């Protein structure tokens, strides 16, 4: 058993290229900085223009540890600041127990 974070964010009009570049950068940053298995994708049917990130954790405690570390990491916060204006609304998260 583990925990999967699914984060989605809808790209703002006219910001597709910048948002896709940010998605790749954020994925690389979290993978390299926190040792996570992070992937991302773009919805092509349904809610077209929505980006998803997927990250797997061993437990909720492991998820919490990364959240706490990210909140005080200057490089992470600087990278996240680049997302301002790229998305229509705040990201939405789902946390799912995996079997």
PDB file of N, CA and C in Angstrom:
ATOM      1  N   UNK A   1       0.824  -1.179   0.000  1.00  0.00           N
ATOM      2  CA  UNK A   1       0.000   0.000   0.000  1.00  0.00           C
ATOM      3  C   UNK A   1       0.874   1.250   0.000  1.00  0.00           C
ATOM      4  N   UNK A   2       0.378   2.275  -0.630  1.00  0.00           N
ATOM      5  CA  UNK A   2       1.075   3.544  -0.661  1.00  0.00           C
ATOM      6  C   UNK A   2       0.078   4.665  -0.836  1.00  0.00           C
ATOM      7  N   UNK A   3       0.582   5.820  -1.217  1.00  0.00           N
ATOM      8  CA  UNK A   3      -0.259   6.992  -1.397  1.00  0.00           C
ATOM      9  C   UNK A   3       0.125   7.635  -2.731  1.00  0.00           C
ATOM     10  N   UNK A   4      -0.874   8.005  -3.514  1.00  0.00           N
ATOM     11  CA  UNK A   4      -0.628   8.727  -4.765  1.00  0.00           C
ATOM     12  C   UNK A   4      -1.281  10.102  -4.679  1.00  0.00           C
ATOM     13  N   UNK A   5      -0.505  11.123  -4.990  1.00  0.00           N
ATOM     14  CA  UNK A   5      -1.019  12.478  -5.116  1.00  0.00           C
ATOM     15  C   UNK A   5      -1.331  12.707  -6.587  1.00  0.00           C
ATOM     16  N   UNK A   6      -2.532  13.187  -6.865  1.00  0.00           N
ATOM     17  CA  UNK A   6      -2.929  13.581  -8.214  1.00  0.00           C
ATOM     18  C   UNK A   6      -3.286  15.065  -8.139  1.00  0.00           C
ATOM     19  N   UNK A   7      -2.493  15.878  -8.782  1.00  0.00           N
ATOM     20  CA  UNK A   7      -2.728  17.326  -8.788  1.00  0.00           C
ATOM     21  C   UNK A   7      -3.120  17.736 -10.205  1.00  0.00           C
ATOM     22  N   UNK A   8      -4.172  18.560 -10.298  1.00  0.00           N
ATOM     23  CA  UNK A   8      -4.558  19.042 -11.626  1.00  0.00           C
ATOM     24  C   UNK A   8      -4.685  20.551 -11.605  1.00  0.00           C
ATOM     25  N   UNK A   9      -4.374  21.145 -12.754  1.00  0.00           N
ATOM     26  CA  UNK A   9      -4.465  22.588 -12.905  1.00  0.00           C
ATOM     27  C   UNK A   9      -4.837  22.901 -14.349  1.00  0.00           C
ATOM     28  N   UNK A  10      -5.790  23.781 -14.522  1.00  0.00           N
ATOM     29  CA  UNK A  10      -6.285  24.173 -15.856  1.00  0.00           C
ATOM     30  C   UNK A  10      -5.446  25.325 -16.377  1.00  0.00           C
ATOM     31  N   UNK A  11      -4.904  25.170 -17.580  1.00  0.00           N
ATOM     32  CA  UNK A  11      -4.036  26.175 -18.184  1.00  0.00           C
ATOM     33  C   UNK A  11      -4.851  27.429 -18.537  1.00  0.00           C
ATOM     34  N   UNK A  12      -4.307  28.587 -18.199  1.00  0.00           N
ATOM     35  CA  UNK A  12      -4.939  29.870 -18.552  1.00  0.00           C
ATOM     36  C   UNK A  12      -4.835  30.095 -20.060  1.00  0.00           C
ATOM     37  N   UNK A  13      -5.807  30.801 -20.601  1.00  0.00           N
ATOM     38  CA  UNK A  13      -5.812  31.109 -22.029  1.00  0.00           C
ATOM     39  C   UNK A  13      -4.508  31.783 -22.447  1.00  0.00           C
ATOM     40  N   UNK A  14      -3.940  31.297 -23.534  1.00  0.00           N
ATOM     41  CA  UNK A  14      -2.726  31.894 -24.079  1.00  0.00           C
ATOM     42  C   UNK A  14      -1.443  31.520 -23.349  1.00  0.00           C
ATOM     43  N   UNK A  15      -1.526  30.621 -22.374  1.00  0.00           N
ATOM     44  CA  UNK A  15      -0.345  30.283 -21.568  1.00  0.00           C
ATOM     45  C   UNK A  15       0.096  28.820 -21.748  1.00  0.00           C
ATOM     46  N   UNK A  16      -0.371  28.160 -22.817  1.00  0.00           N
ATOM     47  CA  UNK A  16      -0.115  26.730 -23.000  1.00  0.00           C
ATOM     48  C   UNK A  16       1.385  26.399 -22.993  1.00  0.00           C
ATOM     49  N   UNK A  17       2.158  27.055 -23.837  1.00  0.00           N
ATOM     50  CA  UNK A  17       3.579  26.727 -23.943  1.00  0.00           C
ATOM     51  C   UNK A  17       4.311  26.939 -22.622  1.00  0.00           C
ATOM     52  N   UNK A  18       4.018  28.052 -21.961  1.00  0.00           N
ATOM     53  CA  UNK A  18       4.671  28.344 -20.681  1.00  0.00           C
ATOM     54  C   UNK A  18       4.248  27.334 -19.614  1.00  0.00           C
ATOM     55  N   UNK A  19       2.972  26.960 -19.617  1.00  0.00           N
ATOM     56  CA  UNK A  19       2.480  26.001 -18.625  1.00  0.00           C
ATOM     57  C   UNK A  19       3.085  24.626 -18.839  1.00  0.00           C
ATOM     58  N   UNK A  20       3.230  24.203 -20.095  1.00  0.00           N
ATOM     59  CA  UNK A  20       3.849  22.898 -20.367  1.00  0.00           C
ATOM     60  C   UNK A  20       5.318  22.897 -19.942  1.00  0.00           C
ATOM     61  N   UNK A  21       6.017  23.993 -20.207  1.00  0.00           N
ATOM     62  CA  UNK A  21       7.420  24.099 -19.772  1.00  0.00           C
ATOM     63  C   UNK A  21       7.503  24.058 -18.249  1.00  0.00           C
ATOM     64  N   UNK A  22       6.583  24.751 -17.571  1.00  0.00           N
ATOM     65  CA  UNK A  22       6.565  24.730 -16.113  1.00  0.00           C
ATOM     66  C   UNK A  22       6.280  23.321 -15.593  1.00  0.00           C
ATOM     67  N   UNK A  23       5.342  22.621 -16.214  1.00  0.00           N
ATOM     68  CA  UNK A  23       5.004  21.254 -15.780  1.00  0.00           C
ATOM     69  C   UNK A  23       6.232  20.361 -15.809  1.00  0.00           C
ATOM     70  N   UNK A  24       7.007  20.452 -16.876  1.00  0.00           N
ATOM     71  CA  UNK A  24       8.223  19.644 -16.983  1.00  0.00           C
ATOM     72  C   UNK A  24       9.256  20.058 -15.936  1.00  0.00           C
ATOM     73  N   UNK A  25       9.431  21.372 -15.756  1.00  0.00           N
ATOM     74  CA  UNK A  25      10.398  21.864 -14.773  1.00  0.00           C
ATOM     75  C   UNK A  25      10.008  21.448 -13.355  1.00  0.00           C
ATOM     76  N   UNK A  26       8.732  21.599 -13.017  1.00  0.00           N
ATOM     77  CA  UNK A  26       8.268  21.230 -11.677  1.00  0.00           C
ATOM     78  C   UNK A  26       8.449  19.735 -11.427  1.00  0.00           C
ATOM     79  N   UNK A  27       8.156  18.934 -12.431  1.00  0.00           N
ATOM     80  CA  UNK A  27       8.326  17.484 -12.312  1.00  0.00           C
ATOM     81  C   UNK A  27       9.787  17.140 -12.047  1.00  0.00           C
ATOM     82  N   UNK A  28      10.676  17.713 -12.838  1.00  0.00           N
ATOM     83  CA  UNK A  28      12.110  17.468 -12.645  1.00  0.00           C
ATOM     84  C   UNK A  28      12.566  17.932 -11.266  1.00  0.00           C
ATOM     85  N   UNK A  29      12.104  19.107 -10.850  1.00  0.00           N
ATOM     86  CA  UNK A  29      12.519  19.657  -9.555  1.00  0.00           C
ATOM     87  C   UNK A  29      12.107  18.732  -8.404  1.00  0.00           C
ATOM     88  N   UNK A  30      10.840  18.329  -8.378  1.00  0.00           N
ATOM     89  CA  UNK A  30      10.375  17.474  -7.279  1.00  0.00           C
ATOM     90  C   UNK A  30      11.019  16.095  -7.319  1.00  0.00           C
ATOM     91  N   UNK A  31      11.276  15.583  -8.513  1.00  0.00           N
ATOM     92  CA  UNK A  31      11.944  14.280  -8.633  1.00  0.00           C
ATOM     93  C   UNK A  31      13.368  14.364  -8.095  1.00  0.00           C
ATOM     94  N   UNK A  32      14.093  15.380  -8.521  1.00  0.00           N
ATOM     95  CA  UNK A  32      15.500  15.510  -8.132  1.00  0.00           C
ATOM     96  C   UNK A  32      15.667  15.980  -6.694  1.00  0.00           C
ATOM     97  N   UNK A  33      14.860  16.929  -6.247  1.00  0.00           N
ATOM     98  CA  UNK A  33      15.033  17.529  -4.925  1.00  0.00           C
ATOM     99  C   UNK A  33      14.538  16.619  -3.808  1.00  0.00           C
ATOM    100  N   UNK A  34      13.419  15.928  -4.050  1.00  0.00           N
ATOM    101  CA  UNK A  34      12.792  15.153  -2.984  1.00  0.00           C
ATOM    102  C   UNK A  34      12.820  13.651  -3.230  1.00  0.00           C
ATOM    103  N   UNK A  35      13.453  13.211  -4.313  1.00  0.00           N
ATOM    104  CA  UNK A  35      13.597  11.791  -4.590  1.00  0.00           C
ATOM    105  C   UNK A  35      12.286  11.079  -4.883  1.00  0.00           C
ATOM    106  N   UNK A  36      11.339  11.803  -5.459  1.00  0.00           N
ATOM    107  CA  UNK A  36      10.025  11.228  -5.739  1.00  0.00           C
ATOM    108  C   UNK A  36       9.956  10.649  -7.146  1.00  0.00           C
ATOM    109  N   UNK A  37       8.979   9.785  -7.351  1.00  0.00           N
ATOM    110  CA  UNK A  37       8.631   9.320  -8.680  1.00  0.00           C
ATOM    111  C   UNK A  37       7.471  10.191  -9.151  1.00  0.00           C
ATOM    112  N   UNK A  38       7.784  11.283  -9.864  1.00  0.00           N
ATOM    113  CA  UNK A  38       6.768  12.230 -10.319  1.00  0.00           C
ATOM    114  C   UNK A  38       6.676  12.151 -11.838  1.00  0.00           C
ATOM    115  N   UNK A  39       5.447  12.118 -12.340  1.00  0.00           N
ATOM    116  CA  UNK A  39       5.201  12.204 -13.778  1.00  0.00           C
ATOM    117  C   UNK A  39       4.116  13.248 -14.003  1.00  0.00           C
ATOM    118  N   UNK A  40       3.970  13.683 -15.237  1.00  0.00           N
ATOM    119  CA  UNK A  40       2.925  14.646 -15.551  1.00  0.00           C
ATOM    120  C   UNK A  40       2.332  14.313 -16.900  1.00  0.00           C
ATOM    121  N   UNK A  41       1.139  14.848 -17.149  1.00  0.00           N
ATOM    122  CA  UNK A  41       0.475  14.621 -18.418  1.00  0.00           C
ATOM    123  C   UNK A  41      -0.517  15.732 -18.714  1.00  0.00           C
ATOM    124  N   UNK A  42      -0.949  15.773 -19.959  1.00  0.00           N
ATOM    125  CA  UNK A  42      -1.888  16.776 -20.437  1.00  0.00           C
ATOM    126  C   UNK A  42      -3.156  16.068 -20.886  1.00  0.00           C
ATOM    127  N   UNK A  43      -4.289  16.484 -20.344  1.00  0.00           N
ATOM    128  CA  UNK A  43      -5.559  15.873 -20.733  1.00  0.00           C
ATOM    129  C   UNK A  43      -5.882  16.289 -22.165  1.00  0.00           C
ATOM    130  N   UNK A  44      -6.182  15.293 -23.006  1.00  0.00           N
ATOM    131  CA  UNK A  44      -6.452  15.571 -24.420  1.00  0.00           C
ATOM    132  C   UNK A  44      -7.904  15.283 -24.791  1.00  0.00           C
ATOM    133  N   UNK A  45      -8.664  14.705 -23.889  1.00  0.00           N
ATOM    134  CA  UNK A  45     -10.089  14.495 -24.079  1.00  0.00           C
ATOM    135  C   UNK A  45     -10.776  14.941 -22.800  1.00  0.00           C
ATOM    136  N   UNK A  46     -11.986  15.401 -22.894  1.00  0.00           N
ATOM    137  CA  UNK A  46     -12.666  15.891 -21.690  1.00  0.00           C
ATOM    138  C   UNK A  46     -12.283  17.328 -21.422  1.00  0.00           C
ATOM    139  N   UNK A  47     -11.614  17.562 -20.319  1.00  0.00           N
ATOM    140  CA  UNK A  47     -11.212  18.918 -19.917  1.00  0.00           C
ATOM    141  C   UNK A  47      -9.881  19.267 -20.583  1.00  0.00           C
ATOM    142  N   UNK A  48      -9.938  19.495 -21.887  1.00  0.00           N
ATOM    143  CA  UNK A  48      -8.733  19.778 -22.669  1.00  0.00           C
ATOM    144  C   UNK A  48      -8.040  21.012 -22.090  1.00  0.00           C
ATOM    145  N   UNK A  49      -6.718  20.925 -21.979  1.00  0.00           N
ATOM    146  CA  UNK A  49      -5.963  22.042 -21.432  1.00  0.00           C
ATOM    147  C   UNK A  49      -5.727  21.937 -19.939  1.00  0.00           C
ATOM    148  N   UNK A  50      -5.904  20.739 -19.395  1.00  0.00           N
ATOM    149  CA  UNK A  50      -5.649  20.521 -17.979  1.00  0.00           C
ATOM    150  C   UNK A  50      -4.397  19.666 -17.822  1.00  0.00           C
ATOM    151  N   UNK A  51      -3.506  20.119 -16.957  1.00  0.00           N
ATOM    152  CA  UNK A  51      -2.278  19.383 -16.657  1.00  0.00           C
ATOM    153  C   UNK A  51      -2.480  18.608 -15.373  1.00  0.00           C
ATOM    154  N   UNK A  52      -1.932  17.394 -15.341  1.00  0.00           N
ATOM    155  CA  UNK A  52      -1.961  16.546 -14.151  1.00  0.00           C
ATOM    156  C   UNK A  52      -0.534  16.181 -13.761  1.00  0.00           C
ATOM    157  N   UNK A  53      -0.292  16.165 -12.469  1.00  0.00           N
ATOM    158  CA  UNK A  53       0.947  15.619 -11.924  1.00  0.00           C
ATOM    159  C   UNK A  53       0.575  14.420 -11.058  1.00  0.00           C
ATOM    160  N   UNK A  54       1.432  13.402 -11.080  1.00  0.00           N
ATOM    161  CA  UNK A  54       1.227  12.190 -10.296  1.00  0.00           C
ATOM    162  C   UNK A  54       2.509  11.927  -9.503  1.00  0.00           C
ATOM    163  N   UNK A  55       2.369  11.769  -8.196  1.00  0.00           N
ATOM    164  CA  UNK A  55       3.526  11.490  -7.345  1.00  0.00           C
ATOM    165  C   UNK A  55       3.165  10.375  -6.381  1.00  0.00           C
ATOM    166  N   UNK A  56       4.062   9.424  -6.239  1.00  0.00           N
ATOM    167  CA  UNK A  56       3.841   8.284  -5.355  1.00  0.00           C
ATOM    168  C   UNK A  56       4.693   8.391  -4.098  1.00  0.00           C
ATOM    169  N   UNK A  57       4.067   8.074  -2.975  1.00  0.00           N
ATOM    170  CA  UNK A  57       4.717   8.113  -1.663  1.00  0.00           C
ATOM    171  C   UNK A  57       4.498   6.771  -0.979  1.00  0.00           C
ATOM    172  N   UNK A  58       5.382   6.428  -0.065  1.00  0.00           N
ATOM    173  CA  UNK A  58       5.236   5.183   0.683  1.00  0.00           C
ATOM    174  C   UNK A  58       4.093   5.244   1.690  1.00  0.00           C
ATOM    175  N   UNK A  59       3.792   6.457   2.185  1.00  0.00           N
ATOM    176  CA  UNK A  59       2.784   6.616   3.237  1.00  0.00           C
ATOM    177  C   UNK A  59       2.343   8.072   3.312  1.00  0.00           C
ATOM    178  N   UNK A  60       1.288   8.332   4.085  1.00  0.00           N
ATOM    179  CA  UNK A  60       0.886   9.712   4.329  1.00  0.00           C
ATOM    180  C   UNK A  60       1.972  10.479   5.071  1.00  0.00           C
ATOM    181  N   UNK A  61       2.692   9.802   5.953  1.00  0.00           N
ATOM    182  CA  UNK A  61       3.787  10.446   6.680  1.00  0.00           C
ATOM    183  C   UNK A  61       4.883  10.895   5.708  1.00  0.00           C
ATOM    184  N   UNK A  62       5.169  10.091   4.695  1.00  0.00           N
ATOM    185  CA  UNK A  62       6.172  10.462   3.690  1.00  0.00           C
ATOM    186  C   UNK A  62       5.686  11.665   2.880  1.00  0.00           C
ATOM    187  N   UNK A  63       4.402  11.677   2.540  1.00  0.00           N
ATOM    188  CA  UNK A  63       3.813  12.818   1.836  1.00  0.00           C
ATOM    189  C   UNK A  63       3.950  14.085   2.689  1.00  0.00           C
ATOM    190  N   UNK A  64       3.589  13.985   3.953  1.00  0.00           N
ATOM    191  CA  UNK A  64       3.658  15.125   4.862  1.00  0.00           C
ATOM    192  C   UNK A  64       5.090  15.642   4.990  1.00  0.00           C
ATOM    193  N   UNK A  65       6.057  14.746   5.032  1.00  0.00           N
ATOM    194  CA  UNK A  65       7.457  15.155   5.161  1.00  0.00           C
ATOM    195  C   UNK A  65       7.896  15.973   3.952  1.00  0.00           C
ATOM    196  N   UNK A  66       7.478  15.563   2.753  1.00  0.00           N
ATOM    197  CA  UNK A  66       7.833  16.323   1.550  1.00  0.00           C
ATOM    198  C   UNK A  66       7.133  17.683   1.551  1.00  0.00           C
ATOM    199  N   UNK A  67       5.862  17.725   1.929  1.00  0.00           N
ATOM    200  CA  UNK A  67       5.135  18.992   1.982  1.00  0.00           C
ATOM    201  C   UNK A  67       5.840  19.953   2.929  1.00  0.00           C
ATOM    202  N   UNK A  68       6.223  19.477   4.095  1.00  0.00           N
ATOM    203  CA  UNK A  68       6.893  20.339   5.072  1.00  0.00           C
ATOM    204  C   UNK A  68       8.243  20.810   4.561  1.00  0.00           C
ATOM    205  N   UNK A  69       8.990  19.922   3.924  1.00  0.00           N
ATOM    206  CA  UNK A  69      10.297  20.306   3.383  1.00  0.00           C
ATOM    207  C   UNK A  69      10.147  21.323   2.258  1.00  0.00           C
ATOM    208  N   UNK A  70       9.145  21.125   1.409  1.00  0.00           N
ATOM    209  CA  UNK A  70       8.937  22.029   0.272  1.00  0.00           C
ATOM    210  C   UNK A  70       8.534  23.428   0.723  1.00  0.00           C
ATOM    211  N   UNK A  71       7.797  23.512   1.804  1.00  0.00           N
ATOM    212  CA  UNK A  71       7.320  24.816   2.281  1.00  0.00           C
ATOM    213  C   UNK A  71       8.463  25.741   2.696  1.00  0.00           C
ATOM    214  N   UNK A  72       9.588  25.174   3.107  1.00  0.00           N
ATOM    215  CA  UNK A  72      10.704  25.996   3.575  1.00  0.00           C
ATOM    216  C   UNK A  72      11.898  25.982   2.619  1.00  0.00           C
ATOM    217  N   UNK A  73      11.730  25.342   1.452  1.00  0.00           N
ATOM    218  CA  UNK A  73      12.817  25.257   0.492  1.00  0.00           C
ATOM    219  C   UNK A  73      12.749  26.460  -0.454  1.00  0.00           C
ATOM    220  N   UNK A  74      13.756  27.319  -0.402  1.00  0.00           N
ATOM    221  CA  UNK A  74      13.755  28.549  -1.200  1.00  0.00           C
ATOM    222  C   UNK A  74      13.712  28.255  -2.700  1.00  0.00           C
ATOM    223  N   UNK A  75      14.427  27.238  -3.142  1.00  0.00           N
ATOM    224  CA  UNK A  75      14.444  26.906  -4.570  1.00  0.00           C
ATOM    225  C   UNK A  75      13.073  26.424  -5.034  1.00  0.00           C
ATOM    226  N   UNK A  76      12.400  25.644  -4.202  1.00  0.00           N
ATOM    227  CA  UNK A  76      11.056  25.176  -4.543  1.00  0.00           C
ATOM    228  C   UNK A  76      10.099  26.350  -4.625  1.00  0.00           C
ATOM    229  N   UNK A  77      10.148  27.236  -3.661  1.00  0.00           N
ATOM    230  CA  UNK A  77       9.235  28.381  -3.658  1.00  0.00           C
ATOM    231  C   UNK A  77       9.503  29.321  -4.830  1.00  0.00           C
ATOM    232  N   UNK A  78      10.753  29.504  -5.184  1.00  0.00           N
ATOM    233  CA  UNK A  78      11.095  30.333  -6.342  1.00  0.00           C
ATOM    234  C   UNK A  78      10.545  29.696  -7.624  1.00  0.00           C
ATOM    235  N   UNK A  79      10.689  28.381  -7.752  1.00  0.00           N
ATOM    236  CA  UNK A  79      10.184  27.672  -8.921  1.00  0.00           C
ATOM    237  C   UNK A  79       8.654  27.773  -8.989  1.00  0.00           C
ATOM    238  N   UNK A  80       7.973  27.610  -7.859  1.00  0.00           N
ATOM    239  CA  UNK A  80       6.513  27.691  -7.834  1.00  0.00           C
ATOM    240  C   UNK A  80       6.007  29.089  -8.163  1.00  0.00           C
ATOM    241  N   UNK A  81       6.772  30.115  -7.826  1.00  0.00           N
ATOM    242  CA  UNK A  81       6.393  31.489  -8.163  1.00  0.00           C
ATOM    243  C   UNK A  81       6.257  31.678  -9.679  1.00  0.00           C
ATOM    244  N   UNK A  82       6.984  30.876 -10.449  1.00  0.00           N
ATOM    245  CA  UNK A  82       6.919  30.965 -11.904  1.00  0.00           C
ATOM    246  C   UNK A  82       5.548  30.558 -12.443  1.00  0.00           C
ATOM    247  N   UNK A  83       4.756  29.844 -11.646  1.00  0.00           N
ATOM    248  CA  UNK A  83       3.448  29.368 -12.094  1.00  0.00           C
ATOM    249  C   UNK A  83       2.366  30.435 -11.992  1.00  0.00           C
ATOM    250  N   UNK A  84       2.657  31.533 -11.315  1.00  0.00           N
ATOM    251  CA  UNK A  84       1.650  32.583 -11.146  1.00  0.00           C
ATOM    252  C   UNK A  84       1.216  33.089 -12.520  1.00  0.00           C
ATOM    253  N   UNK A  85      -0.096  33.028 -12.769  1.00  0.00           N
ATOM    254  CA  UNK A  85      -0.655  33.486 -14.027  1.00  0.00           C
ATOM    255  C   UNK A  85      -0.741  32.437 -15.118  1.00  0.00           C
ATOM    256  N   UNK A  86      -0.148  31.270 -14.892  1.00  0.00           N
ATOM    257  CA  UNK A  86      -0.176  30.219 -15.908  1.00  0.00           C
ATOM    258  C   UNK A  86      -1.450  29.385 -15.864  1.00  0.00           C
ATOM    259  N   UNK A  87      -2.136  29.409 -14.728  1.00  0.00           N
ATOM    260  CA  UNK A  87      -3.296  28.543 -14.541  1.00  0.00           C
ATOM    261  C   UNK A  87      -4.506  29.380 -14.151  1.00  0.00           C
ATOM    262  N   UNK A  88      -5.702  28.886 -14.523  1.00  0.00           N
ATOM    263  CA  UNK A  88      -6.940  29.641 -14.305  1.00  0.00           C
ATOM    264  C   UNK A  88      -7.334  29.746 -12.839  1.00  0.00           C
ATOM    265  N   UNK A  89      -7.051  28.731 -12.077  1.00  0.00           N
ATOM    266  CA  UNK A  89      -7.456  28.711 -10.674  1.00  0.00           C
ATOM    267  C   UNK A  89      -6.448  27.879  -9.899  1.00  0.00           C
ATOM    268  N   UNK A  90      -6.557  27.881  -8.588  1.00  0.00           N
ATOM    269  CA  UNK A  90      -5.620  27.056  -7.810  1.00  0.00           C
ATOM    270  C   UNK A  90      -5.694  25.590  -8.221  1.00  0.00           C
ATOM    271  N   UNK A  91      -4.584  24.912  -8.095  1.00  0.00           N
ATOM    272  CA  UNK A  91      -4.541  23.483  -8.388  1.00  0.00           C
ATOM    273  C   UNK A  91      -5.465  22.738  -7.432  1.00  0.00           C
ATOM    274  N   UNK A  92      -5.964  21.614  -7.892  1.00  0.00           N
ATOM    275  CA  UNK A  92      -6.795  20.750  -7.063  1.00  0.00           C
ATOM    276  C   UNK A  92      -6.038  19.448  -6.831  1.00  0.00           C
ATOM    277  N   UNK A  93      -6.014  18.998  -5.593  1.00  0.00           N
ATOM    278  CA  UNK A  93      -5.299  17.776  -5.236  1.00  0.00           C
ATOM    279  C   UNK A  93      -6.256  16.678  -4.823  1.00  0.00           C
ATOM    280  N   UNK A  94      -5.890  15.446  -5.171  1.00  0.00           N
ATOM    281  CA  UNK A  94      -6.531  14.244  -4.648  1.00  0.00           C
ATOM    282  C   UNK A  94      -5.418  13.374  -4.093  1.00  0.00           C
ATOM    283  N   UNK A  95      -5.675  12.806  -2.929  1.00  0.00           N
ATOM    284  CA  UNK A  95      -4.746  11.868  -2.330  1.00  0.00           C
ATOM    285  C   UNK A  95      -5.457  10.518  -2.258  1.00  0.00           C
ATOM    286  N   UNK A  96      -4.851   9.497  -2.850  1.00  0.00           N
ATOM    287  CA  UNK A  96      -5.490   8.202  -2.995  1.00  0.00           C
ATOM    288  C   UNK A  96      -4.578   7.122  -2.408  1.00  0.00           C
ATOM    289  N   UNK A  97      -5.163   6.263  -1.571  1.00  0.00           N
ATOM    290  CA  UNK A  97      -4.425   5.069  -1.140  1.00  0.00           C
ATOM    291  C   UNK A  97      -4.334   4.114  -2.308  1.00  0.00           C
ATOM    292  N   UNK A  98      -3.136   3.631  -2.594  1.00  0.00           N
ATOM    293  CA  UNK A  98      -2.957   2.650  -3.679  1.00  0.00           C
ATOM    294  C   UNK A  98      -2.887   1.258  -3.075  1.00  0.00           C
ATOM    295  N   UNK A  99      -3.352   0.314  -3.824  1.00  0.00           N
ATOM    296  CA  UNK A  99      -3.396  -1.081  -3.347  1.00  0.00           C
ATOM    297  C   UNK A  99      -2.454  -1.953  -4.147  1.00  0.00           C
TER     298      UNK A  99
END
